[in-house]
Amino acid sequence: MKKIAFMFVAVAAMAFAACTENKPAEAAADAATEAVEEVVDSAAAAVEEVADSAAAAVEEVADSAAAAVEEAVAE
C-alpha cells in the first residue's frame, strides 16, 4: 500500500513539475484525473495478483489436506 501511495505522490509531483505554463483549472483537473486513473489501474493489477496468489495457495492447502485425509482413511 505504501508503494501505491508513493507512486501517486510521484505521479502528482511529475504532473505539477511538467506544468510550466499557467493552465486553466480544467487542464489541471484532467492531469490529476489521469494520474489517479493510473494509480487505480496499478492498484487493481496488484490486487488481482495478490488474489491469484491467494487462490493458488488455498488450492494447494486444500489439495494437501485432501491427500492427508485420504492417507489417514487408508490406514
N, C-alpha and C. Protein backbone atom coordinates (compact mmCIF):
# COMPACT_ATOMS: atom_id res chain seq x y z
N MET A 1 0.83 -1.18 0.00
CA MET A 1 0.00 0.00 0.00
C MET A 1 0.88 1.25 0.00
N LYS A 2 2.03 1.17 0.68
CA LYS A 2 2.93 2.32 0.70
C LYS A 2 3.46 2.61 -0.70
N LYS A 3 3.70 1.55 -1.47
CA LYS A 3 4.22 1.73 -2.82
C LYS A 3 3.19 2.46 -3.68
N ILE A 4 1.93 2.12 -3.51
CA ILE A 4 0.88 2.76 -4.30
C ILE A 4 0.79 4.23 -3.94
N ALA A 5 0.83 4.53 -2.65
CA ALA A 5 0.77 5.93 -2.22
C ALA A 5 2.00 6.69 -2.72
N PHE A 6 3.16 6.08 -2.65
CA PHE A 6 4.37 6.73 -3.13
C PHE A 6 4.28 6.98 -4.63
N MET A 7 3.75 6.00 -5.38
CA MET A 7 3.63 6.16 -6.82
C MET A 7 2.66 7.31 -7.14
N PHE A 8 1.57 7.41 -6.39
CA PHE A 8 0.62 8.50 -6.61
C PHE A 8 1.29 9.85 -6.36
N VAL A 9 2.06 9.95 -5.30
CA VAL A 9 2.75 11.21 -4.99
C VAL A 9 3.77 11.53 -6.08
N ALA A 10 4.47 10.53 -6.57
CA ALA A 10 5.46 10.75 -7.62
C ALA A 10 4.80 11.22 -8.91
N VAL A 11 3.69 10.59 -9.27
CA VAL A 11 2.98 10.98 -10.49
C VAL A 11 2.44 12.40 -10.34
N ALA A 12 1.88 12.71 -9.19
CA ALA A 12 1.36 14.06 -8.96
C ALA A 12 2.49 15.08 -9.02
N ALA A 13 3.63 14.77 -8.45
CA ALA A 13 4.77 15.69 -8.47
C ALA A 13 5.26 15.92 -9.90
N MET A 14 5.31 14.84 -10.69
CA MET A 14 5.73 14.99 -12.08
C MET A 14 4.71 15.81 -12.86
N ALA A 15 3.43 15.60 -12.57
CA ALA A 15 2.39 16.37 -13.27
C ALA A 15 2.52 17.85 -12.95
N PHE A 16 2.77 18.18 -11.69
CA PHE A 16 2.95 19.58 -11.32
C PHE A 16 4.24 20.15 -11.89
N ALA A 17 5.31 19.36 -11.92
CA ALA A 17 6.58 19.84 -12.45
C ALA A 17 6.51 20.05 -13.96
N ALA A 18 5.72 19.26 -14.64
CA ALA A 18 5.59 19.37 -16.09
C ALA A 18 4.78 20.59 -16.50
N CYS A 19 4.00 21.12 -15.61
CA CYS A 19 3.17 22.29 -15.91
C CYS A 19 4.00 23.55 -15.77
N THR A 20 4.56 24.03 -16.88
CA THR A 20 5.37 25.23 -16.82
C THR A 20 4.56 26.47 -17.16
N GLU A 21 3.43 26.31 -17.80
CA GLU A 21 2.57 27.43 -18.15
C GLU A 21 1.41 27.49 -17.17
N ASN A 22 0.78 28.64 -17.09
CA ASN A 22 -0.44 28.76 -16.30
C ASN A 22 -1.58 28.19 -17.14
N LYS A 23 -2.06 27.04 -16.75
CA LYS A 23 -3.13 26.38 -17.49
C LYS A 23 -4.44 26.56 -16.73
N PRO A 24 -5.54 26.45 -17.42
CA PRO A 24 -6.83 26.54 -16.74
C PRO A 24 -7.01 25.39 -15.75
N ALA A 25 -7.89 25.59 -14.83
CA ALA A 25 -8.16 24.58 -13.81
C ALA A 25 -8.63 23.28 -14.44
N GLU A 26 -9.29 23.39 -15.57
CA GLU A 26 -9.79 22.19 -16.25
C GLU A 26 -8.64 21.28 -16.69
N ALA A 27 -7.57 21.87 -17.21
CA ALA A 27 -6.41 21.08 -17.64
C ALA A 27 -5.75 20.42 -16.44
N ALA A 28 -5.67 21.15 -15.33
CA ALA A 28 -5.08 20.58 -14.12
C ALA A 28 -5.93 19.43 -13.61
N ALA A 29 -7.25 19.59 -13.70
CA ALA A 29 -8.14 18.52 -13.26
C ALA A 29 -7.98 17.29 -14.15
N ASP A 30 -7.79 17.50 -15.44
CA ASP A 30 -7.57 16.37 -16.36
C ASP A 30 -6.28 15.63 -16.02
N ALA A 31 -5.23 16.38 -15.73
CA ALA A 31 -3.96 15.76 -15.37
C ALA A 31 -4.08 14.97 -14.08
N ALA A 32 -4.80 15.54 -13.12
CA ALA A 32 -4.99 14.83 -11.85
C ALA A 32 -5.83 13.58 -12.07
N THR A 33 -6.84 13.68 -12.92
CA THR A 33 -7.68 12.52 -13.22
C THR A 33 -6.86 11.41 -13.86
N GLU A 34 -6.01 11.77 -14.80
CA GLU A 34 -5.15 10.77 -15.45
C GLU A 34 -4.22 10.12 -14.44
N ALA A 35 -3.66 10.91 -13.53
CA ALA A 35 -2.76 10.36 -12.52
C ALA A 35 -3.50 9.40 -11.61
N VAL A 36 -4.71 9.77 -11.21
CA VAL A 36 -5.50 8.91 -10.33
C VAL A 36 -5.88 7.63 -11.06
N GLU A 37 -6.26 7.74 -12.34
CA GLU A 37 -6.61 6.54 -13.10
C GLU A 37 -5.42 5.59 -13.22
N GLU A 38 -4.23 6.15 -13.39
CA GLU A 38 -3.03 5.31 -13.48
C GLU A 38 -2.77 4.58 -12.15
N VAL A 39 -2.94 5.29 -11.06
CA VAL A 39 -2.75 4.68 -9.74
C VAL A 39 -3.80 3.60 -9.50
N VAL A 40 -5.04 3.87 -9.89
CA VAL A 40 -6.11 2.89 -9.70
C VAL A 40 -5.84 1.64 -10.54
N ASP A 41 -5.38 1.83 -11.77
CA ASP A 41 -5.05 0.67 -12.61
C ASP A 41 -3.93 -0.15 -12.00
N SER A 42 -2.91 0.53 -11.47
CA SER A 42 -1.80 -0.18 -10.83
C SER A 42 -2.29 -0.94 -9.58
N ALA A 43 -3.14 -0.29 -8.82
CA ALA A 43 -3.68 -0.93 -7.62
C ALA A 43 -4.53 -2.13 -7.99
N ALA A 44 -5.33 -2.00 -9.03
CA ALA A 44 -6.17 -3.12 -9.47
C ALA A 44 -5.31 -4.30 -9.91
N ALA A 45 -4.24 -4.02 -10.62
CA ALA A 45 -3.33 -5.08 -11.05
C ALA A 45 -2.68 -5.76 -9.85
N ALA A 46 -2.28 -4.97 -8.87
CA ALA A 46 -1.67 -5.54 -7.67
C ALA A 46 -2.65 -6.39 -6.89
N VAL A 47 -3.89 -5.92 -6.78
CA VAL A 47 -4.92 -6.68 -6.07
C VAL A 47 -5.20 -7.99 -6.80
N GLU A 48 -5.27 -7.93 -8.12
CA GLU A 48 -5.52 -9.14 -8.90
C GLU A 48 -4.39 -10.15 -8.72
N GLU A 49 -3.16 -9.66 -8.69
CA GLU A 49 -2.00 -10.54 -8.50
C GLU A 49 -2.05 -11.20 -7.12
N VAL A 50 -2.38 -10.43 -6.10
CA VAL A 50 -2.48 -10.98 -4.75
C VAL A 50 -3.61 -11.99 -4.66
N ALA A 51 -4.73 -11.68 -5.30
CA ALA A 51 -5.87 -12.60 -5.29
C ALA A 51 -5.51 -13.92 -5.97
N ASP A 52 -4.81 -13.83 -7.08
CA ASP A 52 -4.39 -15.05 -7.78
C ASP A 52 -3.44 -15.87 -6.92
N SER A 53 -2.51 -15.20 -6.25
CA SER A 53 -1.57 -15.90 -5.38
C SER A 53 -2.30 -16.56 -4.21
N ALA A 54 -3.26 -15.85 -3.64
CA ALA A 54 -4.03 -16.39 -2.53
C ALA A 54 -4.85 -17.58 -2.98
N ALA A 55 -5.45 -17.49 -4.14
CA ALA A 55 -6.24 -18.61 -4.66
C ALA A 55 -5.37 -19.84 -4.89
N ALA A 56 -4.18 -19.63 -5.41
CA ALA A 56 -3.26 -20.75 -5.63
C ALA A 56 -2.84 -21.37 -4.30
N ALA A 57 -2.58 -20.54 -3.31
CA ALA A 57 -2.18 -21.04 -2.00
C ALA A 57 -3.31 -21.83 -1.35
N VAL A 58 -4.53 -21.32 -1.46
CA VAL A 58 -5.67 -22.03 -0.89
C VAL A 58 -5.87 -23.37 -1.58
N GLU A 59 -5.74 -23.37 -2.90
CA GLU A 59 -5.89 -24.62 -3.64
C GLU A 59 -4.83 -25.64 -3.24
N GLU A 60 -3.60 -25.16 -3.04
CA GLU A 60 -2.51 -26.05 -2.64
C GLU A 60 -2.77 -26.63 -1.25
N VAL A 61 -3.22 -25.80 -0.33
CA VAL A 61 -3.52 -26.27 1.03
C VAL A 61 -4.69 -27.26 0.99
N ALA A 62 -5.69 -27.00 0.19
CA ALA A 62 -6.83 -27.91 0.08
C ALA A 62 -6.40 -29.25 -0.48
N ASP A 63 -5.55 -29.24 -1.48
CA ASP A 63 -5.05 -30.48 -2.05
C ASP A 63 -4.24 -31.26 -1.02
N SER A 64 -3.39 -30.57 -0.28
CA SER A 64 -2.59 -31.23 0.75
C SER A 64 -3.47 -31.81 1.85
N ALA A 65 -4.50 -31.07 2.25
CA ALA A 65 -5.41 -31.56 3.27
C ALA A 65 -6.18 -32.78 2.77
N ALA A 66 -6.62 -32.74 1.54
CA ALA A 66 -7.35 -33.87 0.96
C ALA A 66 -6.45 -35.10 0.90
N ALA A 67 -5.20 -34.92 0.52
CA ALA A 67 -4.27 -36.05 0.47
C ALA A 67 -4.03 -36.61 1.86
N ALA A 68 -3.91 -35.74 2.87
CA ALA A 68 -3.69 -36.21 4.23
C ALA A 68 -4.89 -36.97 4.75
N VAL A 69 -6.09 -36.50 4.43
CA VAL A 69 -7.30 -37.20 4.86
C VAL A 69 -7.40 -38.56 4.20
N GLU A 70 -7.14 -38.61 2.91
CA GLU A 70 -7.17 -39.89 2.19
C GLU A 70 -6.17 -40.87 2.76
N GLU A 71 -4.98 -40.36 3.10
CA GLU A 71 -3.94 -41.22 3.67
C GLU A 71 -4.37 -41.72 5.04
N ALA A 72 -4.97 -40.86 5.84
CA ALA A 72 -5.42 -41.25 7.18
C ALA A 72 -6.53 -42.27 7.09
N VAL A 73 -7.44 -42.12 6.15
CA VAL A 73 -8.54 -43.05 5.99
C VAL A 73 -8.04 -44.40 5.51
N ALA A 74 -7.02 -44.39 4.66
CA ALA A 74 -6.49 -45.63 4.12
C ALA A 74 -5.79 -46.48 5.17
N GLU A 75 -5.33 -45.84 6.23
CA GLU A 75 -4.61 -46.60 7.29
C GLU A 75 -5.54 -47.28 8.18
